[in-house]
N, C-alpha and C. Protein backbone atom coordinates (compact mmCIF):
# COMPACT_ATOMS: atom_id res chain seq x y z
N MET A 1 0.44 -14.20 31.54
CA MET A 1 1.26 -14.71 30.45
C MET A 1 2.65 -14.12 30.55
N LYS A 2 3.62 -14.94 30.25
CA LYS A 2 5.00 -14.47 30.31
C LYS A 2 5.49 -14.19 28.89
N GLN A 3 5.92 -12.95 28.68
CA GLN A 3 6.45 -12.57 27.39
C GLN A 3 7.73 -13.35 27.14
N VAL A 4 7.88 -13.86 25.93
CA VAL A 4 9.08 -14.63 25.61
C VAL A 4 10.04 -13.85 24.73
N GLN A 5 9.57 -12.75 24.16
CA GLN A 5 10.43 -11.95 23.30
C GLN A 5 10.13 -10.48 23.55
N ASP A 6 11.16 -9.66 23.38
CA ASP A 6 10.98 -8.22 23.44
C ASP A 6 10.53 -7.78 22.05
N VAL A 7 9.32 -7.25 21.96
CA VAL A 7 8.73 -6.90 20.67
C VAL A 7 8.41 -5.41 20.66
N ASN A 8 8.77 -4.74 19.56
CA ASN A 8 8.47 -3.32 19.43
C ASN A 8 7.76 -3.10 18.10
N ILE A 9 6.43 -3.31 18.11
CA ILE A 9 5.63 -3.16 16.89
C ILE A 9 4.61 -2.03 17.03
N GLY A 10 4.85 -1.14 17.99
CA GLY A 10 3.97 0.01 18.16
C GLY A 10 2.75 -0.25 19.01
N ILE A 11 2.76 -1.38 19.73
CA ILE A 11 1.67 -1.72 20.65
C ILE A 11 2.33 -1.92 22.01
N SER A 12 1.80 -1.28 23.03
CA SER A 12 2.42 -1.37 24.35
C SER A 12 2.49 -2.82 24.83
N ALA A 13 3.44 -3.07 25.72
CA ALA A 13 3.60 -4.41 26.28
C ALA A 13 2.33 -4.85 27.00
N GLU A 14 1.70 -3.93 27.73
CA GLU A 14 0.47 -4.26 28.45
C GLU A 14 -0.65 -4.65 27.48
N ALA A 15 -0.79 -3.89 26.41
CA ALA A 15 -1.83 -4.20 25.41
C ALA A 15 -1.53 -5.51 24.71
N ARG A 16 -0.26 -5.73 24.36
CA ARG A 16 0.11 -6.99 23.69
C ARG A 16 -0.20 -8.19 24.57
N GLU A 17 0.03 -8.06 25.87
CA GLU A 17 -0.26 -9.17 26.78
C GLU A 17 -1.76 -9.46 26.82
N LYS A 18 -2.58 -8.43 26.93
CA LYS A 18 -4.04 -8.63 26.94
C LYS A 18 -4.52 -9.24 25.63
N ILE A 19 -3.99 -8.72 24.53
CA ILE A 19 -4.40 -9.23 23.21
C ILE A 19 -3.97 -10.69 23.06
N ALA A 20 -2.75 -11.00 23.47
CA ALA A 20 -2.26 -12.38 23.37
C ALA A 20 -3.11 -13.33 24.21
N HIS A 21 -3.45 -12.89 25.43
CA HIS A 21 -4.30 -13.73 26.29
C HIS A 21 -5.67 -13.94 25.64
N ASN A 22 -6.28 -12.86 25.16
CA ASN A 22 -7.59 -12.98 24.53
C ASN A 22 -7.53 -13.84 23.28
N THR A 23 -6.49 -13.65 22.49
CA THR A 23 -6.35 -14.43 21.26
C THR A 23 -6.11 -15.90 21.59
N SER A 24 -5.52 -16.18 22.75
CA SER A 24 -5.36 -17.57 23.20
C SER A 24 -6.72 -18.21 23.44
N ARG A 25 -7.69 -17.44 23.91
CA ARG A 25 -9.05 -17.96 24.08
C ARG A 25 -9.65 -18.33 22.72
N LEU A 26 -9.43 -17.48 21.72
CA LEU A 26 -9.91 -17.78 20.37
C LEU A 26 -9.23 -19.03 19.83
N LEU A 27 -7.94 -19.16 20.08
CA LEU A 27 -7.21 -20.35 19.65
C LEU A 27 -7.78 -21.60 20.31
N ALA A 28 -8.04 -21.53 21.61
CA ALA A 28 -8.57 -22.69 22.33
C ALA A 28 -9.96 -23.07 21.81
N ASP A 29 -10.81 -22.08 21.60
CA ASP A 29 -12.14 -22.36 21.04
C ASP A 29 -12.01 -22.99 19.66
N SER A 30 -11.14 -22.44 18.85
CA SER A 30 -10.97 -22.92 17.47
C SER A 30 -10.42 -24.34 17.44
N TYR A 31 -9.46 -24.64 18.31
CA TYR A 31 -8.89 -25.98 18.33
C TYR A 31 -9.92 -26.99 18.86
N THR A 32 -10.67 -26.58 19.84
CA THR A 32 -11.71 -27.47 20.38
C THR A 32 -12.76 -27.76 19.31
N LEU A 33 -13.14 -26.73 18.56
CA LEU A 33 -14.10 -26.94 17.46
C LEU A 33 -13.48 -27.81 16.37
N TYR A 34 -12.20 -27.61 16.10
CA TYR A 34 -11.51 -28.46 15.12
C TYR A 34 -11.62 -29.94 15.52
N LEU A 35 -11.31 -30.23 16.77
CA LEU A 35 -11.37 -31.62 17.24
C LEU A 35 -12.80 -32.17 17.16
N MET A 36 -13.77 -31.36 17.58
CA MET A 36 -15.17 -31.79 17.54
C MET A 36 -15.60 -32.07 16.09
N THR A 37 -15.24 -31.18 15.19
CA THR A 37 -15.64 -31.33 13.79
C THR A 37 -14.98 -32.55 13.16
N HIS A 38 -13.71 -32.76 13.47
CA HIS A 38 -13.00 -33.92 12.92
C HIS A 38 -13.60 -35.22 13.48
N ASN A 39 -13.88 -35.24 14.76
CA ASN A 39 -14.53 -36.39 15.40
C ASN A 39 -15.86 -36.70 14.71
N PHE A 40 -16.67 -35.68 14.50
CA PHE A 40 -17.97 -35.88 13.87
C PHE A 40 -17.82 -36.33 12.42
N HIS A 41 -16.82 -35.83 11.73
CA HIS A 41 -16.54 -36.27 10.36
C HIS A 41 -16.29 -37.77 10.33
N TRP A 42 -15.51 -38.25 11.28
CA TRP A 42 -15.21 -39.68 11.33
C TRP A 42 -16.41 -40.52 11.71
N ASN A 43 -17.29 -39.99 12.54
CA ASN A 43 -18.32 -40.82 13.17
C ASN A 43 -19.75 -40.57 12.73
N VAL A 44 -19.99 -39.64 11.81
CA VAL A 44 -21.35 -39.37 11.38
C VAL A 44 -21.92 -40.57 10.61
N THR A 45 -23.20 -40.83 10.81
CA THR A 45 -23.92 -41.89 10.09
C THR A 45 -25.31 -41.37 9.74
N GLY A 46 -26.00 -42.11 8.91
CA GLY A 46 -27.38 -41.78 8.61
C GLY A 46 -27.57 -41.32 7.17
N PRO A 47 -28.83 -40.94 6.85
CA PRO A 47 -29.18 -40.59 5.48
C PRO A 47 -28.40 -39.38 4.92
N GLN A 48 -27.94 -38.50 5.77
CA GLN A 48 -27.19 -37.32 5.31
C GLN A 48 -25.68 -37.55 5.40
N PHE A 49 -25.28 -38.80 5.53
CA PHE A 49 -23.86 -39.12 5.76
C PHE A 49 -22.94 -38.39 4.79
N ARG A 50 -23.15 -38.58 3.51
CA ARG A 50 -22.20 -38.02 2.53
C ARG A 50 -22.12 -36.50 2.64
N ASP A 51 -23.26 -35.83 2.67
CA ASP A 51 -23.27 -34.37 2.76
C ASP A 51 -22.58 -33.87 4.03
N LEU A 52 -22.90 -34.49 5.15
CA LEU A 52 -22.31 -34.06 6.42
C LEU A 52 -20.83 -34.41 6.49
N HIS A 53 -20.49 -35.61 6.04
CA HIS A 53 -19.09 -36.04 6.03
C HIS A 53 -18.23 -35.02 5.26
N LEU A 54 -18.70 -34.62 4.09
CA LEU A 54 -17.96 -33.65 3.27
C LEU A 54 -17.96 -32.26 3.89
N MET A 55 -19.10 -31.83 4.42
CA MET A 55 -19.17 -30.51 5.04
C MET A 55 -18.24 -30.43 6.24
N PHE A 56 -18.26 -31.46 7.08
CA PHE A 56 -17.40 -31.47 8.25
C PHE A 56 -15.93 -31.45 7.84
N GLU A 57 -15.59 -32.18 6.77
CA GLU A 57 -14.21 -32.18 6.29
C GLU A 57 -13.79 -30.79 5.83
N GLU A 58 -14.64 -30.10 5.09
CA GLU A 58 -14.34 -28.73 4.66
C GLU A 58 -14.09 -27.83 5.87
N GLN A 59 -14.93 -27.99 6.89
CA GLN A 59 -14.82 -27.12 8.05
C GLN A 59 -13.59 -27.43 8.89
N TYR A 60 -13.28 -28.71 9.13
CA TYR A 60 -12.10 -28.99 9.95
C TYR A 60 -10.82 -28.67 9.19
N THR A 61 -10.82 -28.79 7.87
CA THR A 61 -9.65 -28.43 7.08
C THR A 61 -9.38 -26.93 7.19
N GLU A 62 -10.43 -26.14 7.10
CA GLU A 62 -10.29 -24.68 7.25
C GLU A 62 -9.81 -24.34 8.66
N LEU A 63 -10.34 -25.02 9.65
CA LEU A 63 -9.94 -24.78 11.05
C LEU A 63 -8.47 -25.14 11.29
N ALA A 64 -7.97 -26.17 10.62
CA ALA A 64 -6.57 -26.56 10.79
C ALA A 64 -5.65 -25.42 10.36
N THR A 65 -6.00 -24.74 9.30
CA THR A 65 -5.23 -23.57 8.86
C THR A 65 -5.42 -22.41 9.84
N ALA A 66 -6.64 -22.21 10.28
CA ALA A 66 -6.96 -21.09 11.17
C ALA A 66 -6.21 -21.18 12.49
N VAL A 67 -6.14 -22.36 13.09
CA VAL A 67 -5.46 -22.45 14.39
C VAL A 67 -3.98 -22.10 14.24
N ASP A 68 -3.40 -22.43 13.12
CA ASP A 68 -2.01 -22.07 12.88
C ASP A 68 -1.86 -20.54 12.77
N GLU A 69 -2.76 -19.90 12.05
CA GLU A 69 -2.71 -18.44 11.89
C GLU A 69 -2.91 -17.74 13.24
N ILE A 70 -3.84 -18.24 14.03
CA ILE A 70 -4.12 -17.62 15.34
C ILE A 70 -2.90 -17.79 16.26
N ALA A 71 -2.33 -18.99 16.29
CA ALA A 71 -1.15 -19.24 17.13
C ALA A 71 0.03 -18.38 16.69
N GLU A 72 0.20 -18.23 15.39
CA GLU A 72 1.29 -17.39 14.89
C GLU A 72 1.08 -15.92 15.25
N ARG A 73 -0.15 -15.47 15.33
CA ARG A 73 -0.41 -14.09 15.75
C ARG A 73 0.00 -13.90 17.21
N ILE A 74 -0.31 -14.87 18.04
CA ILE A 74 0.09 -14.80 19.45
C ILE A 74 1.61 -14.74 19.55
N ARG A 75 2.29 -15.55 18.77
CA ARG A 75 3.76 -15.54 18.77
C ARG A 75 4.30 -14.21 18.26
N THR A 76 3.66 -13.63 17.26
CA THR A 76 4.07 -12.34 16.73
C THR A 76 4.00 -11.26 17.80
N LEU A 77 3.04 -11.39 18.70
CA LEU A 77 2.88 -10.43 19.79
C LEU A 77 3.93 -10.65 20.89
N GLY A 78 4.70 -11.74 20.80
CA GLY A 78 5.79 -11.99 21.73
C GLY A 78 5.46 -12.94 22.86
N TYR A 79 4.38 -13.69 22.72
CA TYR A 79 3.95 -14.59 23.80
C TYR A 79 3.84 -16.01 23.28
N PRO A 80 3.97 -17.00 24.19
CA PRO A 80 3.82 -18.40 23.75
C PRO A 80 2.34 -18.71 23.48
N ALA A 81 2.12 -19.48 22.45
CA ALA A 81 0.76 -19.92 22.12
C ALA A 81 0.45 -21.17 22.94
N PRO A 82 -0.75 -21.25 23.52
CA PRO A 82 -1.11 -22.49 24.21
C PRO A 82 -1.15 -23.63 23.20
N GLY A 83 -0.79 -24.83 23.65
CA GLY A 83 -0.76 -25.93 22.70
C GLY A 83 -1.03 -27.29 23.29
N THR A 84 -1.57 -27.32 24.51
CA THR A 84 -1.89 -28.61 25.11
C THR A 84 -3.39 -28.74 25.31
N TYR A 85 -3.86 -29.97 25.39
CA TYR A 85 -5.28 -30.19 25.66
C TYR A 85 -5.69 -29.54 26.97
N LYS A 86 -4.82 -29.62 27.97
CA LYS A 86 -5.11 -29.03 29.27
C LYS A 86 -5.30 -27.52 29.14
N GLN A 87 -4.39 -26.85 28.43
CA GLN A 87 -4.52 -25.40 28.24
C GLN A 87 -5.79 -25.06 27.45
N PHE A 88 -6.05 -25.82 26.41
CA PHE A 88 -7.24 -25.55 25.61
C PHE A 88 -8.51 -25.74 26.43
N ALA A 89 -8.54 -26.79 27.25
CA ALA A 89 -9.72 -27.05 28.09
C ALA A 89 -9.94 -25.91 29.09
N GLU A 90 -8.86 -25.36 29.62
CA GLU A 90 -8.97 -24.26 30.58
C GLU A 90 -9.43 -22.96 29.90
N LEU A 91 -9.01 -22.73 28.67
CA LEU A 91 -9.28 -21.46 27.98
C LEU A 91 -10.56 -21.47 27.15
N SER A 92 -10.99 -22.64 26.69
CA SER A 92 -12.10 -22.71 25.74
C SER A 92 -13.46 -22.59 26.40
N ALA A 93 -14.35 -21.89 25.73
CA ALA A 93 -15.75 -21.81 26.16
C ALA A 93 -16.57 -22.96 25.57
N ILE A 94 -15.96 -23.75 24.70
CA ILE A 94 -16.62 -24.89 24.07
C ILE A 94 -16.27 -26.14 24.87
N LYS A 95 -17.28 -26.87 25.25
CA LYS A 95 -17.06 -28.08 26.05
C LYS A 95 -16.95 -29.31 25.15
N GLU A 96 -16.14 -30.25 25.60
CA GLU A 96 -15.94 -31.49 24.88
C GLU A 96 -17.24 -32.31 24.86
N VAL A 97 -17.46 -32.99 23.74
CA VAL A 97 -18.65 -33.83 23.58
C VAL A 97 -18.28 -35.27 23.91
N GLU A 98 -19.09 -35.89 24.74
CA GLU A 98 -18.87 -37.30 25.11
C GLU A 98 -19.69 -38.19 24.20
N GLY A 99 -19.15 -39.34 23.85
CA GLY A 99 -19.89 -40.31 23.04
C GLY A 99 -20.03 -39.86 21.60
N VAL A 100 -20.94 -40.53 20.90
CA VAL A 100 -21.19 -40.23 19.49
C VAL A 100 -22.65 -39.83 19.35
N PRO A 101 -22.91 -38.54 19.21
CA PRO A 101 -24.30 -38.09 19.06
C PRO A 101 -24.86 -38.46 17.69
N SER A 102 -26.16 -38.33 17.56
CA SER A 102 -26.80 -38.54 16.26
C SER A 102 -26.33 -37.47 15.29
N ALA A 103 -26.52 -37.71 14.00
CA ALA A 103 -26.11 -36.75 12.98
C ALA A 103 -26.77 -35.39 13.22
N ASN A 104 -28.05 -35.40 13.55
CA ASN A 104 -28.76 -34.14 13.78
C ASN A 104 -28.19 -33.40 15.00
N GLU A 105 -27.86 -34.16 16.05
CA GLU A 105 -27.27 -33.56 17.25
C GLU A 105 -25.87 -33.02 16.94
N MET A 106 -25.12 -33.72 16.09
CA MET A 106 -23.81 -33.23 15.67
C MET A 106 -23.94 -31.85 15.02
N VAL A 107 -24.88 -31.73 14.11
CA VAL A 107 -25.11 -30.46 13.41
C VAL A 107 -25.46 -29.37 14.41
N LYS A 108 -26.34 -29.69 15.34
CA LYS A 108 -26.76 -28.72 16.37
C LYS A 108 -25.57 -28.30 17.22
N LEU A 109 -24.77 -29.26 17.67
CA LEU A 109 -23.60 -28.97 18.51
C LEU A 109 -22.57 -28.13 17.76
N LEU A 110 -22.36 -28.43 16.50
CA LEU A 110 -21.40 -27.65 15.71
C LEU A 110 -21.91 -26.22 15.47
N ALA A 111 -23.20 -26.07 15.23
CA ALA A 111 -23.77 -24.73 15.07
C ALA A 111 -23.56 -23.92 16.36
N GLU A 112 -23.85 -24.54 17.49
CA GLU A 112 -23.67 -23.86 18.79
C GLU A 112 -22.21 -23.52 19.04
N ALA A 113 -21.31 -24.42 18.69
CA ALA A 113 -19.87 -24.16 18.91
C ALA A 113 -19.38 -23.03 18.01
N ASN A 114 -19.85 -22.98 16.77
CA ASN A 114 -19.49 -21.87 15.89
C ASN A 114 -20.01 -20.55 16.46
N GLU A 115 -21.23 -20.57 17.00
CA GLU A 115 -21.78 -19.37 17.63
C GLU A 115 -20.96 -18.97 18.86
N THR A 116 -20.46 -19.94 19.59
CA THR A 116 -19.61 -19.65 20.75
C THR A 116 -18.35 -18.90 20.30
N ILE A 117 -17.75 -19.34 19.21
CA ILE A 117 -16.56 -18.65 18.70
C ILE A 117 -16.90 -17.22 18.29
N VAL A 118 -18.08 -17.02 17.71
CA VAL A 118 -18.49 -15.66 17.35
C VAL A 118 -18.60 -14.81 18.62
N ARG A 119 -19.19 -15.35 19.67
CA ARG A 119 -19.32 -14.59 20.92
C ARG A 119 -17.95 -14.30 21.54
N THR A 120 -17.07 -15.28 21.54
CA THR A 120 -15.70 -15.06 22.04
C THR A 120 -15.04 -13.95 21.22
N SER A 121 -15.19 -14.01 19.92
CA SER A 121 -14.59 -13.00 19.04
C SER A 121 -15.11 -11.60 19.37
N ARG A 122 -16.41 -11.50 19.59
CA ARG A 122 -17.00 -10.19 19.93
C ARG A 122 -16.48 -9.68 21.28
N GLU A 123 -16.24 -10.60 22.22
CA GLU A 123 -15.72 -10.21 23.53
C GLU A 123 -14.29 -9.70 23.45
N ILE A 124 -13.47 -10.34 22.63
CA ILE A 124 -12.05 -10.01 22.61
C ILE A 124 -11.68 -8.92 21.60
N LEU A 125 -12.53 -8.66 20.64
CA LEU A 125 -12.24 -7.68 19.60
C LEU A 125 -11.92 -6.28 20.14
N PRO A 126 -12.68 -5.76 21.12
CA PRO A 126 -12.41 -4.39 21.58
C PRO A 126 -11.00 -4.16 22.11
N THR A 127 -10.38 -5.15 22.73
CA THR A 127 -9.02 -4.97 23.25
C THR A 127 -8.05 -4.70 22.10
N ALA A 128 -8.18 -5.44 21.02
CA ALA A 128 -7.32 -5.22 19.85
C ALA A 128 -7.64 -3.89 19.19
N GLN A 129 -8.93 -3.54 19.12
CA GLN A 129 -9.31 -2.26 18.52
C GLN A 129 -8.75 -1.08 19.31
N GLU A 130 -8.85 -1.16 20.63
CA GLU A 130 -8.36 -0.07 21.49
C GLU A 130 -6.86 0.13 21.36
N ALA A 131 -6.13 -0.92 21.04
CA ALA A 131 -4.67 -0.84 20.90
C ALA A 131 -4.25 -0.52 19.46
N ASP A 132 -5.21 -0.29 18.58
CA ASP A 132 -4.93 -0.06 17.16
C ASP A 132 -4.13 -1.21 16.55
N ASP A 133 -4.45 -2.42 16.99
CA ASP A 133 -3.79 -3.63 16.49
C ASP A 133 -4.63 -4.16 15.32
N GLU A 134 -4.44 -3.53 14.18
CA GLU A 134 -5.24 -3.87 13.00
C GLU A 134 -5.01 -5.31 12.53
N SER A 135 -3.83 -5.85 12.75
CA SER A 135 -3.56 -7.23 12.33
C SER A 135 -4.44 -8.20 13.11
N THR A 136 -4.52 -8.02 14.43
CA THR A 136 -5.36 -8.90 15.24
C THR A 136 -6.83 -8.61 14.98
N VAL A 137 -7.19 -7.34 14.81
CA VAL A 137 -8.58 -6.98 14.50
C VAL A 137 -9.03 -7.69 13.22
N GLY A 138 -8.19 -7.66 12.19
CA GLY A 138 -8.52 -8.32 10.94
C GLY A 138 -8.68 -9.82 11.10
N LEU A 139 -7.78 -10.43 11.85
CA LEU A 139 -7.85 -11.87 12.10
C LEU A 139 -9.15 -12.23 12.82
N ILE A 140 -9.45 -11.50 13.88
CA ILE A 140 -10.67 -11.79 14.66
C ILE A 140 -11.91 -11.55 13.82
N SER A 141 -11.92 -10.46 13.06
CA SER A 141 -13.09 -10.16 12.21
C SER A 141 -13.31 -11.24 11.16
N ASP A 142 -12.22 -11.70 10.56
CA ASP A 142 -12.33 -12.77 9.56
C ASP A 142 -12.88 -14.05 10.19
N ARG A 143 -12.38 -14.38 11.39
CA ARG A 143 -12.88 -15.57 12.08
C ARG A 143 -14.35 -15.43 12.41
N MET A 144 -14.74 -14.27 12.90
CA MET A 144 -16.13 -14.03 13.27
C MET A 144 -17.05 -14.23 12.05
N ARG A 145 -16.67 -13.62 10.94
CA ARG A 145 -17.48 -13.71 9.72
C ARG A 145 -17.62 -15.17 9.27
N LEU A 146 -16.52 -15.93 9.28
CA LEU A 146 -16.57 -17.32 8.85
C LEU A 146 -17.45 -18.16 9.77
N HIS A 147 -17.32 -17.97 11.08
CA HIS A 147 -18.10 -18.78 12.01
C HIS A 147 -19.58 -18.40 12.02
N GLU A 148 -19.88 -17.14 11.74
CA GLU A 148 -21.29 -16.75 11.58
C GLU A 148 -21.88 -17.49 10.39
N LYS A 149 -21.14 -17.55 9.29
CA LYS A 149 -21.61 -18.24 8.08
C LYS A 149 -21.74 -19.74 8.33
N ASN A 150 -20.75 -20.34 8.98
CA ASN A 150 -20.82 -21.78 9.27
C ASN A 150 -22.02 -22.09 10.15
N ALA A 151 -22.25 -21.28 11.17
CA ALA A 151 -23.40 -21.50 12.06
C ALA A 151 -24.70 -21.42 11.27
N TRP A 152 -24.80 -20.45 10.40
CA TRP A 152 -26.00 -20.30 9.57
C TRP A 152 -26.19 -21.53 8.68
N MET A 153 -25.13 -21.99 8.03
CA MET A 153 -25.24 -23.16 7.15
C MET A 153 -25.63 -24.41 7.95
N LEU A 154 -25.04 -24.58 9.10
CA LEU A 154 -25.37 -25.74 9.93
C LEU A 154 -26.82 -25.65 10.42
N ARG A 155 -27.23 -24.49 10.92
CA ARG A 155 -28.63 -24.33 11.39
C ARG A 155 -29.62 -24.60 10.26
N SER A 156 -29.23 -24.26 9.04
CA SER A 156 -30.12 -24.48 7.88
C SER A 156 -30.37 -25.95 7.61
N MET A 157 -29.53 -26.81 8.13
CA MET A 157 -29.69 -28.25 7.93
C MET A 157 -30.59 -28.88 8.99
N LEU A 158 -30.93 -28.13 10.02
CA LEU A 158 -31.75 -28.69 11.11
C LEU A 158 -33.22 -28.64 10.76
């Protein structure tokens, strides 16, 4: 990653670069989940339509705010935030879904994708902790907690 600004916030340049790269992975996962959730919101059918349609809307709306917060943290660290589908596809551990799955499969895929974000968060958290970057630690911890809860709620519907 190429630093775009000289930043002096008490975190070394090397640590900021690692944190920005790792946080870019969280951004890519989050944006990919946002797209998946929005797609499923538009295309869900079946007896649970209303409940799932509303749940998916709540989740993608929250994700829309989250991706902005994550991208702004990367910028705060002095690095450009990824913002293209190509970059997200390269960085994300969540794979794109082809076609329109059944409502039950949508729920399963969203639960798995939320769990993927939790795993990504657990992988990247130590770099921010080691650098005493409490702002990024707090952001990652908040994301982890929310995605653990979303995964649990989605799994409960299966």
